[in-house]
Amino acid sequence: MTHRFTRRSFLETAALGTAACGLAPFPIVQGQPALAIATYRSPEESDEAIREEAIRLTVESIKALGGMDRFVDNGDVVFIKPNIGWDKMPAQAACTNPDVVATLVRLC
C-alpha cells in the first residue's frame, strides 16, 4: 500500500517544520551584529600597503563584531581553516590572504 503525499499533508508538514524552527534557540547575543563590513581604503598597490590594509581590515571587522573575546575564551582551542586550495597569489583573491590568517591567529 502506498501513501499518497497530498497538498494538505505537505502544508501540515511544512507548518510543523516552520513552528519547530521558531522554537529552536538561536545563539544570538543581543546588541551584537552578526555581520561586519570593513571598507578597503588604501589606493597604494605596494606589497607593504596591501599587507597593512589586510591587517587593518581584519582587526576592524573583528572589533565591529564585538571583539575576539566574543568568540574565543581564555584557554579555548581554536581551529582556523583558511581557503588555500588554489595555486594563486593573494592579490588574485582565490585564497585567503596570509596576513588575514596571521592576524586572526594573533587576535586569538
C-alpha atoms as a PDB file:
ATOM      1  CA  MET A   1       0.000   0.000   0.000  1.00  0.00           C
ATOM      2  CA  THR A   2       1.460   3.411  -0.953  1.00  0.00           C
ATOM      3  CA  HIS A   3       0.924   6.631   0.910  1.00  0.00           C
ATOM      4  CA  ARG A   4      -0.104   9.491  -1.296  1.00  0.00           C
ATOM      5  CA  PHE A   5       1.560  12.780  -0.366  1.00  0.00           C
ATOM      6  CA  THR A   6      -1.201  15.343  -0.741  1.00  0.00           C
ATOM      7  CA  ARG A   7      -1.112  19.101  -0.783  1.00  0.00           C
ATOM      8  CA  ARG A   8      -2.714  19.114   2.660  1.00  0.00           C
ATOM      9  CA  SER A   9      -0.113  16.757   4.160  1.00  0.00           C
ATOM     10  CA  PHE A  10       2.666  18.848   2.613  1.00  0.00           C
ATOM     11  CA  LEU A  11       1.258  22.052   4.144  1.00  0.00           C
ATOM     12  CA  GLU A  12       0.829  20.370   7.543  1.00  0.00           C
ATOM     13  CA  THR A  13       4.411  19.084   7.477  1.00  0.00           C
ATOM     14  CA  ALA A  14       5.740  22.478   6.350  1.00  0.00           C
ATOM     15  CA  ALA A  15       3.803  24.253   9.109  1.00  0.00           C
ATOM     16  CA  LEU A  16       5.135  21.870  11.771  1.00  0.00           C
ATOM     17  CA  GLY A  17       8.679  22.284  10.487  1.00  0.00           C
ATOM     18  CA  THR A  18       8.362  26.060  10.479  1.00  0.00           C
ATOM     19  CA  ALA A  19       6.953  26.042  14.004  1.00  0.00           C
ATOM     20  CA  ALA A  20       9.796  23.792  15.195  1.00  0.00           C
ATOM     21  CA  CYS A  21      12.362  26.190  13.712  1.00  0.00           C
ATOM     22  CA  GLY A  22      10.697  29.064  15.521  1.00  0.00           C
ATOM     23  CA  LEU A  23      11.040  27.258  18.844  1.00  0.00           C
ATOM     24  CA  ALA A  24      14.718  26.413  18.388  1.00  0.00           C
ATOM     25  CA  PRO A  25      17.100  28.517  20.493  1.00  0.00           C
ATOM     26  CA  PHE A  26      19.413  30.704  18.453  1.00  0.00           C
ATOM     27  CA  PRO A  27      22.784  31.666  19.997  1.00  0.00           C
ATOM     28  CA  ILE A  28      22.488  35.360  19.156  1.00  0.00           C
ATOM     29  CA  VAL A  29      23.993  37.822  21.581  1.00  0.00           C
ATOM     30  CA  GLN A  30      21.668  40.787  21.950  1.00  0.00           C
ATOM     31  CA  GLY A  31      23.176  44.031  20.719  1.00  0.00           C
ATOM     32  CA  GLN A  32      25.991  42.367  18.781  1.00  0.00           C
ATOM     33  CA  PRO A  33      25.992  42.344  14.972  1.00  0.00           C
ATOM     34  CA  ALA A  34      26.229  39.060  13.079  1.00  0.00           C
ATOM     35  CA  LEU A  35      27.914  40.725  10.103  1.00  0.00           C
ATOM     36  CA  ALA A  36      30.572  43.410   9.778  1.00  0.00           C
ATOM     37  CA  ILE A  37      31.760  45.153   6.647  1.00  0.00           C
ATOM     38  CA  ALA A  38      35.157  46.820   6.599  1.00  0.00           C
ATOM     39  CA  THR A  39      35.930  49.120   3.675  1.00  0.00           C
ATOM     40  CA  TYR A  40      39.156  48.908   1.719  1.00  0.00           C
ATOM     41  CA  ARG A  41      40.670  52.380   1.548  1.00  0.00           C
ATOM     42  CA  SER A  42      44.328  52.084   0.517  1.00  0.00           C
ATOM     43  CA  PRO A  43      44.913  53.323  -3.042  1.00  0.00           C
ATOM     44  CA  GLU A  44      48.545  52.172  -2.924  1.00  0.00           C
ATOM     45  CA  GLU A  45      49.472  48.934  -4.622  1.00  0.00           C
ATOM     46  CA  SER A  46      52.751  48.268  -2.853  1.00  0.00           C
ATOM     47  CA  ASP A  47      53.055  44.937  -1.068  1.00  0.00           C
ATOM     48  CA  GLU A  48      53.520  46.656   2.304  1.00  0.00           C
ATOM     49  CA  ALA A  49      50.427  48.874   1.844  1.00  0.00           C
ATOM     50  CA  ILE A  50      48.291  45.872   0.877  1.00  0.00           C
ATOM     51  CA  ARG A  51      49.641  43.906   3.870  1.00  0.00           C
ATOM     52  CA  GLU A  52      48.858  46.759   6.287  1.00  0.00           C
ATOM     53  CA  GLU A  53      45.392  47.174   4.786  1.00  0.00           C
ATOM     54  CA  ALA A  54      44.632  43.447   5.147  1.00  0.00           C
ATOM     55  CA  ILE A  55      45.643  43.590   8.804  1.00  0.00           C
ATOM     56  CA  ARG A  56      43.604  46.773   9.416  1.00  0.00           C
ATOM     57  CA  LEU A  57      40.511  45.315   7.740  1.00  0.00           C
ATOM     58  CA  THR A  58      40.750  42.103   9.755  1.00  0.00           C
ATOM     59  CA  VAL A  59      41.139  43.916  13.084  1.00  0.00           C
ATOM     60  CA  GLU A  60      38.355  46.396  12.219  1.00  0.00           C
ATOM     61  CA  SER A  61      35.958  43.591  11.251  1.00  0.00           C
ATOM     62  CA  ILE A  62      36.575  41.599  14.436  1.00  0.00           C
ATOM     63  CA  LYS A  63      36.151  44.733  16.570  1.00  0.00           C
ATOM     64  CA  ALA A  64      32.875  45.553  14.787  1.00  0.00           C
ATOM     65  CA  LEU A  65      31.590  42.053  15.629  1.00  0.00           C
ATOM     66  CA  GLY A  66      32.241  42.626  19.332  1.00  0.00           C
ATOM     67  CA  GLY A  67      35.910  41.688  19.582  1.00  0.00           C
ATOM     68  CA  MET A  68      37.623  38.328  19.616  1.00  0.00           C
ATOM     69  CA  ASP A  69      36.537  37.846  23.248  1.00  0.00           C
ATOM     70  CA  ARG A  70      33.004  37.363  21.932  1.00  0.00           C
ATOM     71  CA  PHE A  71      34.120  34.211  20.109  1.00  0.00           C
ATOM     72  CA  VAL A  72      37.179  32.895  21.971  1.00  0.00           C
ATOM     73  CA  ASP A  73      37.591  32.457  25.707  1.00  0.00           C
ATOM     74  CA  ASN A  74      40.900  32.148  27.504  1.00  0.00           C
ATOM     75  CA  GLY A  75      42.173  28.566  27.160  1.00  0.00           C
ATOM     76  CA  ASP A  76      39.983  27.671  24.155  1.00  0.00           C
ATOM     77  CA  VAL A  77      41.455  25.606  21.342  1.00  0.00           C
ATOM     78  CA  VAL A  78      40.885  27.403  18.047  1.00  0.00           C
ATOM     79  CA  PHE A  79      40.982  25.901  14.558  1.00  0.00           C
ATOM     80  CA  ILE A  80      41.376  28.404  11.724  1.00  0.00           C
ATOM     81  CA  LYS A  81      40.663  26.950   8.293  1.00  0.00           C
ATOM     82  CA  PRO A  82      41.852  29.306   5.552  1.00  0.00           C
ATOM     83  CA  ASN A  83      40.871  28.767   1.942  1.00  0.00           C
ATOM     84  CA  ILE A  84      44.219  27.656   0.495  1.00  0.00           C
ATOM     85  CA  GLY A  85      43.200  25.171  -2.165  1.00  0.00           C
ATOM     86  CA  TRP A  86      44.371  27.105  -5.208  1.00  0.00           C
ATOM     87  CA  ASP A  87      47.761  27.834  -6.711  1.00  0.00           C
ATOM     88  CA  LYS A  88      47.139  31.599  -6.834  1.00  0.00           C
ATOM     89  CA  MET A  89      48.653  34.704  -5.291  1.00  0.00           C
ATOM     90  CA  PRO A  90      46.730  36.575  -2.541  1.00  0.00           C
ATOM     91  CA  ALA A  91      46.250  39.509  -4.939  1.00  0.00           C
ATOM     92  CA  GLN A  92      44.153  37.217  -7.164  1.00  0.00           C
ATOM     93  CA  ALA A  93      41.691  36.694  -4.277  1.00  0.00           C
ATOM     94  CA  ALA A  94      41.388  32.954  -4.861  1.00  0.00           C
ATOM     95  CA  CYS A  95      42.909  32.108  -1.479  1.00  0.00           C
ATOM     96  CA  THR A  96      42.746  33.655   1.954  1.00  0.00           C
ATOM     97  CA  ASN A  97      45.320  36.387   2.353  1.00  0.00           C
ATOM     98  CA  PRO A  98      48.078  35.045   4.642  1.00  0.00           C
ATOM     99  CA  ASP A  99      48.137  38.381   6.509  1.00  0.00           C
ATOM    100  CA  VAL A 100      44.459  37.883   7.381  1.00  0.00           C
ATOM    101  CA  VAL A 101      45.211  34.399   8.725  1.00  0.00           C
ATOM    102  CA  ALA A 102      48.219  35.652  10.723  1.00  0.00           C
ATOM    103  CA  THR A 103      46.136  38.487  12.194  1.00  0.00           C
ATOM    104  CA  LEU A 104      43.344  36.110  13.212  1.00  0.00           C
ATOM    105  CA  VAL A 105      45.884  33.813  14.890  1.00  0.00           C
ATOM    106  CA  ARG A 106      47.403  36.786  16.724  1.00  0.00           C
ATOM    107  CA  LEU A 107      43.955  38.007  17.849  1.00  0.00           C
ATOM    108  CA  CYS A 108      43.007  34.545  19.138  1.00  0.00           C
END
